[in-house]
Amino acid sequence: MAKTRSYSKKREGILEVMRQTNCHPSAEWVYQKLKPKFPDLSLGTVYRNISLFKEEGTVISIGTVGGQERYDANLAPHAHLVCDKCGAVADVWTELPVDSFYQEVEGTCGGKILRHEVIFHGLCQNCLEAETAFIES
């Protein structure tokens, strides 16, 4: 039987701020954004609620970037580009040919693929432009 949770303005605020940004925030970023609105908010509360959102599937973890776990509340299928220079995380909206890949993986391991995560590593547009400008000067 599922555990019933009481309503929480802080929990609602945490999820809302995560849904309103495309910066792929860390828990610390969320905490800093909400602290003025909720002066008694603790970083532990933010972490606990994000953990709950991950369990529910409301938020996904993109992984650790620059020592901080980063999250995405946009659950539409897409990949991410992590800049190895500045740590920016960008959405990558492209069709990935995963259907045949899923079948191949399932055939190899005998399991059932339910979802996937694709994370590219490289340079974001800003860092690439800065690097190109430096080389050309």
N, C-alpha and C. Protein backbone atom coordinates (compact mmCIF):
# COMPACT_ATOMS: atom_id res chain seq x y z
N MET A 1 0.84 -1.18 0.00
CA MET A 1 0.00 0.00 0.00
C MET A 1 0.89 1.25 0.00
N ALA A 2 0.59 2.18 -0.87
CA ALA A 2 1.39 3.40 -1.01
C ALA A 2 1.20 4.29 0.21
N LYS A 3 2.31 4.88 0.63
CA LYS A 3 2.28 5.80 1.77
C LYS A 3 1.72 7.14 1.32
N THR A 4 0.77 7.67 2.06
CA THR A 4 0.16 8.96 1.75
C THR A 4 0.99 10.07 2.39
N ARG A 5 1.33 11.06 1.59
CA ARG A 5 2.09 12.20 2.08
C ARG A 5 1.17 13.38 2.28
N SER A 6 1.48 14.16 3.31
CA SER A 6 0.71 15.38 3.53
C SER A 6 1.22 16.45 2.57
N TYR A 7 0.38 17.41 2.30
CA TYR A 7 0.73 18.52 1.42
C TYR A 7 1.83 19.36 2.06
N SER A 8 2.76 19.82 1.25
CA SER A 8 3.84 20.67 1.75
C SER A 8 4.10 21.79 0.74
N LYS A 9 4.01 23.04 1.21
CA LYS A 9 4.30 24.17 0.33
C LYS A 9 5.76 24.15 -0.12
N LYS A 10 6.65 23.73 0.77
CA LYS A 10 8.06 23.66 0.41
C LYS A 10 8.29 22.62 -0.69
N ARG A 11 7.69 21.44 -0.53
CA ARG A 11 7.84 20.39 -1.54
C ARG A 11 7.31 20.88 -2.89
N GLU A 12 6.15 21.51 -2.86
CA GLU A 12 5.57 22.05 -4.08
C GLU A 12 6.51 23.10 -4.70
N GLY A 13 7.09 23.95 -3.86
CA GLY A 13 8.02 24.98 -4.34
C GLY A 13 9.27 24.39 -4.95
N ILE A 14 9.79 23.35 -4.33
CA ILE A 14 11.00 22.69 -4.85
C ILE A 14 10.73 22.14 -6.24
N LEU A 15 9.63 21.42 -6.38
CA LEU A 15 9.32 20.83 -7.69
C LEU A 15 9.03 21.92 -8.72
N GLU A 16 8.33 22.96 -8.32
CA GLU A 16 7.98 24.04 -9.25
C GLU A 16 9.23 24.75 -9.77
N VAL A 17 10.18 25.06 -8.89
CA VAL A 17 11.39 25.76 -9.33
C VAL A 17 12.21 24.84 -10.25
N MET A 18 12.17 23.55 -10.01
CA MET A 18 12.89 22.61 -10.88
C MET A 18 12.23 22.50 -12.25
N ARG A 19 10.92 22.61 -12.28
CA ARG A 19 10.20 22.54 -13.55
C ARG A 19 10.31 23.83 -14.37
N GLN A 20 10.57 24.94 -13.69
CA GLN A 20 10.60 26.24 -14.37
C GLN A 20 11.98 26.60 -14.93
N THR A 21 12.97 25.76 -14.73
CA THR A 21 14.30 26.07 -15.23
C THR A 21 14.77 25.00 -16.20
N ASN A 22 15.66 25.41 -17.09
CA ASN A 22 16.29 24.42 -17.97
C ASN A 22 17.79 24.38 -17.71
N CYS A 23 18.21 24.87 -16.53
CA CYS A 23 19.63 24.90 -16.20
C CYS A 23 20.12 23.59 -15.59
N HIS A 24 19.25 22.62 -15.40
CA HIS A 24 19.62 21.34 -14.81
C HIS A 24 20.26 21.58 -13.44
N PRO A 25 19.44 22.01 -12.49
CA PRO A 25 19.95 22.51 -11.21
C PRO A 25 20.51 21.43 -10.29
N SER A 26 21.35 21.88 -9.39
CA SER A 26 21.79 21.06 -8.26
C SER A 26 20.83 21.35 -7.10
N ALA A 27 20.90 20.53 -6.07
CA ALA A 27 20.07 20.78 -4.88
C ALA A 27 20.43 22.13 -4.25
N GLU A 28 21.72 22.46 -4.28
CA GLU A 28 22.16 23.73 -3.72
C GLU A 28 21.57 24.91 -4.47
N TRP A 29 21.48 24.80 -5.80
CA TRP A 29 20.89 25.86 -6.62
C TRP A 29 19.41 26.05 -6.25
N VAL A 30 18.70 24.93 -6.13
CA VAL A 30 17.28 24.97 -5.77
C VAL A 30 17.13 25.63 -4.39
N TYR A 31 17.97 25.24 -3.45
CA TYR A 31 17.95 25.81 -2.11
C TYR A 31 18.14 27.32 -2.14
N GLN A 32 19.13 27.79 -2.90
CA GLN A 32 19.40 29.23 -2.98
C GLN A 32 18.22 29.99 -3.60
N LYS A 33 17.57 29.39 -4.59
CA LYS A 33 16.41 30.04 -5.23
C LYS A 33 15.22 30.16 -4.28
N LEU A 34 15.04 29.15 -3.43
CA LEU A 34 13.85 29.12 -2.57
C LEU A 34 14.05 29.70 -1.18
N LYS A 35 15.28 29.88 -0.75
CA LYS A 35 15.54 30.36 0.62
C LYS A 35 14.88 31.71 0.91
N PRO A 36 14.87 32.67 -0.02
CA PRO A 36 14.17 33.94 0.27
C PRO A 36 12.66 33.76 0.50
N LYS A 37 12.05 32.83 -0.20
CA LYS A 37 10.62 32.59 -0.06
C LYS A 37 10.30 31.77 1.19
N PHE A 38 11.20 30.84 1.53
CA PHE A 38 11.03 29.97 2.69
C PHE A 38 12.26 30.10 3.59
N PRO A 39 12.30 31.13 4.45
CA PRO A 39 13.49 31.38 5.28
C PRO A 39 13.90 30.20 6.17
N ASP A 40 12.94 29.35 6.55
CA ASP A 40 13.27 28.20 7.40
C ASP A 40 13.59 26.94 6.60
N LEU A 41 13.71 27.05 5.29
CA LEU A 41 14.05 25.91 4.44
C LEU A 41 15.47 25.45 4.74
N SER A 42 15.66 24.15 4.82
CA SER A 42 17.01 23.60 5.02
C SER A 42 17.45 22.88 3.76
N LEU A 43 18.75 22.81 3.58
CA LEU A 43 19.29 22.08 2.44
C LEU A 43 18.91 20.61 2.52
N GLY A 44 18.84 20.08 3.73
CA GLY A 44 18.41 18.69 3.92
C GLY A 44 17.00 18.45 3.40
N THR A 45 16.11 19.41 3.60
CA THR A 45 14.74 19.30 3.09
C THR A 45 14.74 19.24 1.57
N VAL A 46 15.58 20.06 0.95
CA VAL A 46 15.67 20.05 -0.52
C VAL A 46 16.17 18.68 -0.99
N TYR A 47 17.23 18.19 -0.38
CA TYR A 47 17.77 16.88 -0.77
C TYR A 47 16.75 15.77 -0.57
N ARG A 48 16.06 15.75 0.55
CA ARG A 48 15.08 14.70 0.82
C ARG A 48 13.95 14.73 -0.21
N ASN A 49 13.47 15.93 -0.55
CA ASN A 49 12.38 16.02 -1.52
C ASN A 49 12.84 15.66 -2.92
N ILE A 50 14.04 16.06 -3.29
CA ILE A 50 14.54 15.67 -4.61
C ILE A 50 14.70 14.15 -4.68
N SER A 51 15.17 13.54 -3.61
CA SER A 51 15.27 12.09 -3.56
C SER A 51 13.89 11.44 -3.74
N LEU A 52 12.90 12.01 -3.11
CA LEU A 52 11.53 11.53 -3.25
C LEU A 52 11.05 11.68 -4.70
N PHE A 53 11.33 12.83 -5.31
CA PHE A 53 10.94 13.05 -6.70
C PHE A 53 11.62 12.04 -7.63
N LYS A 54 12.88 11.72 -7.36
CA LYS A 54 13.58 10.73 -8.17
C LYS A 54 12.92 9.36 -8.03
N GLU A 55 12.57 8.98 -6.81
CA GLU A 55 11.88 7.70 -6.57
C GLU A 55 10.55 7.64 -7.31
N GLU A 56 9.83 8.75 -7.31
CA GLU A 56 8.52 8.83 -7.98
C GLU A 56 8.66 8.89 -9.50
N GLY A 57 9.83 9.27 -9.99
CA GLY A 57 10.02 9.45 -11.42
C GLY A 57 9.61 10.83 -11.90
N THR A 58 9.46 11.78 -10.98
CA THR A 58 9.08 13.14 -11.32
C THR A 58 10.28 13.95 -11.80
N VAL A 59 11.47 13.55 -11.36
CA VAL A 59 12.73 14.21 -11.67
C VAL A 59 13.75 13.12 -11.95
N ILE A 60 14.67 13.39 -12.86
CA ILE A 60 15.76 12.44 -13.11
C ILE A 60 17.09 13.09 -12.75
N SER A 61 18.04 12.24 -12.45
CA SER A 61 19.40 12.70 -12.19
C SER A 61 20.19 12.61 -13.48
N ILE A 62 20.91 13.66 -13.79
CA ILE A 62 21.76 13.66 -14.98
C ILE A 62 23.15 13.15 -14.64
N GLY A 63 23.46 13.13 -13.36
CA GLY A 63 24.76 12.69 -12.89
C GLY A 63 25.49 13.82 -12.20
N THR A 64 26.70 13.54 -11.82
CA THR A 64 27.50 14.52 -11.09
C THR A 64 28.32 15.35 -12.07
N VAL A 65 28.18 16.64 -11.97
CA VAL A 65 28.91 17.59 -12.81
C VAL A 65 29.57 18.59 -11.87
N GLY A 66 30.87 18.69 -11.93
CA GLY A 66 31.58 19.63 -11.06
C GLY A 66 31.37 19.34 -9.59
N GLY A 67 31.22 18.08 -9.24
CA GLY A 67 31.07 17.69 -7.84
C GLY A 67 29.66 17.78 -7.28
N GLN A 68 28.68 18.18 -8.10
CA GLN A 68 27.30 18.28 -7.64
C GLN A 68 26.38 17.48 -8.55
N GLU A 69 25.47 16.73 -7.94
CA GLU A 69 24.48 16.00 -8.73
C GLU A 69 23.53 17.02 -9.35
N ARG A 70 23.25 16.82 -10.62
CA ARG A 70 22.36 17.74 -11.35
C ARG A 70 21.10 16.99 -11.77
N TYR A 71 20.00 17.72 -11.88
CA TYR A 71 18.69 17.11 -12.09
C TYR A 71 17.96 17.74 -13.27
N ASP A 72 16.96 17.01 -13.76
CA ASP A 72 16.11 17.51 -14.84
C ASP A 72 14.68 17.11 -14.52
N ALA A 73 13.77 18.08 -14.53
CA ALA A 73 12.36 17.81 -14.30
C ALA A 73 11.59 17.72 -15.61
N ASN A 74 12.29 17.89 -16.73
CA ASN A 74 11.66 17.73 -18.04
C ASN A 74 11.84 16.27 -18.44
N LEU A 75 10.77 15.51 -18.40
CA LEU A 75 10.84 14.07 -18.63
C LEU A 75 10.60 13.67 -20.08
N ALA A 76 10.40 14.64 -20.97
CA ALA A 76 10.27 14.31 -22.38
C ALA A 76 11.58 13.67 -22.86
N PRO A 77 11.51 12.69 -23.74
CA PRO A 77 12.74 12.00 -24.17
C PRO A 77 13.73 12.96 -24.84
N HIS A 78 14.90 13.08 -24.26
CA HIS A 78 15.97 13.88 -24.83
C HIS A 78 17.29 13.50 -24.17
N ALA A 79 18.36 13.91 -24.82
CA ALA A 79 19.71 13.64 -24.32
C ALA A 79 20.26 14.93 -23.70
N HIS A 80 21.48 14.85 -23.20
CA HIS A 80 22.13 16.02 -22.60
C HIS A 80 23.57 16.13 -23.08
N LEU A 81 24.04 17.36 -23.17
CA LEU A 81 25.45 17.65 -23.44
C LEU A 81 26.02 18.29 -22.18
N VAL A 82 27.07 17.69 -21.63
CA VAL A 82 27.75 18.25 -20.47
C VAL A 82 29.06 18.85 -20.97
N CYS A 83 29.25 20.14 -20.70
CA CYS A 83 30.48 20.81 -21.11
C CYS A 83 31.60 20.44 -20.14
N ASP A 84 32.65 19.86 -20.68
CA ASP A 84 33.78 19.44 -19.85
C ASP A 84 34.62 20.61 -19.36
N LYS A 85 34.39 21.79 -19.93
CA LYS A 85 35.18 22.96 -19.53
C LYS A 85 34.47 23.77 -18.45
N CYS A 86 33.21 24.14 -18.67
CA CYS A 86 32.52 25.03 -17.71
C CYS A 86 31.46 24.32 -16.88
N GLY A 87 31.10 23.09 -17.23
CA GLY A 87 30.11 22.34 -16.46
C GLY A 87 28.67 22.61 -16.84
N ALA A 88 28.44 23.41 -17.87
CA ALA A 88 27.07 23.66 -18.32
C ALA A 88 26.44 22.36 -18.80
N VAL A 89 25.14 22.24 -18.60
CA VAL A 89 24.39 21.08 -19.09
C VAL A 89 23.31 21.61 -20.02
N ALA A 90 23.29 21.09 -21.24
CA ALA A 90 22.31 21.55 -22.23
C ALA A 90 21.46 20.37 -22.70
N ASP A 91 20.20 20.66 -22.97
CA ASP A 91 19.31 19.66 -23.55
C ASP A 91 19.70 19.44 -25.01
N VAL A 92 19.60 18.19 -25.46
CA VAL A 92 19.84 17.84 -26.85
C VAL A 92 18.55 17.20 -27.36
N TRP A 93 17.86 17.92 -28.23
CA TRP A 93 16.58 17.45 -28.76
C TRP A 93 16.81 16.87 -30.14
N THR A 94 16.93 15.58 -30.21
CA THR A 94 17.13 14.90 -31.48
C THR A 94 16.54 13.50 -31.38
N GLU A 95 16.12 12.99 -32.49
CA GLU A 95 15.59 11.63 -32.52
C GLU A 95 16.77 10.66 -32.50
N LEU A 96 16.76 9.77 -31.54
CA LEU A 96 17.81 8.76 -31.46
C LEU A 96 17.22 7.42 -31.89
N PRO A 97 17.90 6.70 -32.77
CA PRO A 97 17.37 5.41 -33.26
C PRO A 97 17.55 4.31 -32.21
N VAL A 98 16.71 4.34 -31.18
CA VAL A 98 16.91 3.42 -30.06
C VAL A 98 16.12 2.11 -30.19
N ASP A 99 15.09 2.09 -31.01
CA ASP A 99 14.26 0.88 -31.07
C ASP A 99 15.07 -0.36 -31.44
N SER A 100 15.86 -0.29 -32.50
CA SER A 100 16.65 -1.45 -32.89
C SER A 100 17.75 -1.73 -31.87
N PHE A 101 18.27 -0.68 -31.25
CA PHE A 101 19.30 -0.86 -30.22
C PHE A 101 18.71 -1.56 -29.01
N TYR A 102 17.48 -1.19 -28.62
CA TYR A 102 16.81 -1.85 -27.50
C TYR A 102 16.68 -3.35 -27.78
N GLN A 103 16.26 -3.69 -28.99
CA GLN A 103 16.10 -5.10 -29.35
C GLN A 103 17.42 -5.84 -29.27
N GLU A 104 18.49 -5.21 -29.75
CA GLU A 104 19.81 -5.83 -29.70
C GLU A 104 20.27 -6.06 -28.26
N VAL A 105 20.09 -5.05 -27.42
CA VAL A 105 20.50 -5.17 -26.01
C VAL A 105 19.65 -6.23 -25.31
N GLU A 106 18.35 -6.22 -25.55
CA GLU A 106 17.49 -7.21 -24.93
C GLU A 106 17.86 -8.62 -25.37
N GLY A 107 18.21 -8.78 -26.65
CA GLY A 107 18.63 -10.09 -27.15
C GLY A 107 19.93 -10.55 -26.51
N THR A 108 20.81 -9.61 -26.25
CA THR A 108 22.11 -9.95 -25.66
C THR A 108 21.99 -10.30 -24.18
N CYS A 109 21.20 -9.52 -23.44
CA CYS A 109 21.15 -9.73 -21.98
C CYS A 109 19.92 -10.52 -21.54
N GLY A 110 18.95 -10.69 -22.43
CA GLY A 110 17.75 -11.44 -22.07
C GLY A 110 16.79 -10.67 -21.19
N GLY A 111 17.00 -9.37 -21.03
CA GLY A 111 16.13 -8.55 -20.19
C GLY A 111 15.19 -7.70 -21.02
N LYS A 112 14.59 -6.74 -20.39
CA LYS A 112 13.66 -5.81 -21.04
C LYS A 112 14.10 -4.39 -20.74
N ILE A 113 14.40 -3.61 -21.77
CA ILE A 113 14.82 -2.23 -21.61
C ILE A 113 13.57 -1.37 -21.43
N LEU A 114 13.54 -0.57 -20.38
CA LEU A 114 12.40 0.30 -20.10
C LEU A 114 12.67 1.76 -20.43
N ARG A 115 13.93 2.18 -20.32
CA ARG A 115 14.29 3.55 -20.63
C ARG A 115 15.79 3.61 -20.85
N HIS A 116 16.25 4.75 -21.29
CA HIS A 116 17.69 4.95 -21.49
C HIS A 116 18.05 6.39 -21.14
N GLU A 117 19.33 6.60 -20.96
CA GLU A 117 19.85 7.94 -20.72
C GLU A 117 21.05 8.12 -21.65
N VAL A 118 21.10 9.25 -22.33
CA VAL A 118 22.22 9.55 -23.21
C VAL A 118 22.82 10.87 -22.76
N ILE A 119 24.10 10.84 -22.44
CA ILE A 119 24.81 12.05 -22.02
C ILE A 119 26.07 12.17 -22.87
N PHE A 120 26.14 13.26 -23.61
CA PHE A 120 27.32 13.55 -24.42
C PHE A 120 28.24 14.46 -23.61
N HIS A 121 29.53 14.30 -23.79
CA HIS A 121 30.51 15.17 -23.13
C HIS A 121 31.32 15.88 -24.21
N GLY A 122 31.57 17.16 -24.00
CA GLY A 122 32.32 17.94 -24.97
C GLY A 122 32.37 19.38 -24.53
N LEU A 123 32.26 20.29 -25.48
CA LEU A 123 32.27 21.71 -25.18
C LEU A 123 30.94 22.33 -25.56
N CYS A 124 30.42 23.19 -24.69
CA CYS A 124 29.20 23.91 -25.00
C CYS A 124 29.53 24.97 -26.06
N GLN A 125 28.51 25.57 -26.62
CA GLN A 125 28.70 26.57 -27.68
C GLN A 125 29.56 27.74 -27.20
N ASN A 126 29.31 28.23 -25.98
CA ASN A 126 30.09 29.36 -25.45
C ASN A 126 31.57 29.02 -25.32
N CYS A 127 31.87 27.87 -24.75
CA CYS A 127 33.28 27.48 -24.56
C CYS A 127 33.95 27.21 -25.91
N LEU A 128 33.22 26.62 -26.84
CA LEU A 128 33.77 26.36 -28.17
C LEU A 128 34.08 27.67 -28.88
N GLU A 129 33.16 28.64 -28.79
CA GLU A 129 33.40 29.94 -29.42
C GLU A 129 34.58 30.66 -28.78
N ALA A 130 34.69 30.57 -27.45
CA ALA A 130 35.81 31.21 -26.75
C ALA A 130 37.13 30.56 -27.14
N GLU A 131 37.13 29.24 -27.25
CA GLU A 131 38.34 28.52 -27.65
C GLU A 131 38.74 28.86 -29.08
N THR A 132 37.77 28.93 -29.96
CA THR A 132 38.02 29.27 -31.36
C THR A 132 38.55 30.69 -31.47
N ALA A 133 37.98 31.63 -30.72
CA ALA A 133 38.42 33.01 -30.75
C ALA A 133 39.85 33.13 -30.23
N PHE A 134 40.19 32.33 -29.21
CA PHE A 134 41.55 32.36 -28.66
C PHE A 134 42.56 31.84 -29.68
N ILE A 135 42.20 30.76 -30.37
CA ILE A 135 43.10 30.18 -31.39
C ILE A 135 43.30 31.14 -32.56
N GLU A 136 42.23 31.85 -32.93
CA GLU A 136 42.31 32.75 -34.08
C GLU A 136 43.02 34.05 -33.76
N SER A 137 43.19 34.39 -32.49
CA SER A 137 43.83 35.67 -32.16
C SER A 137 45.34 35.54 -32.03
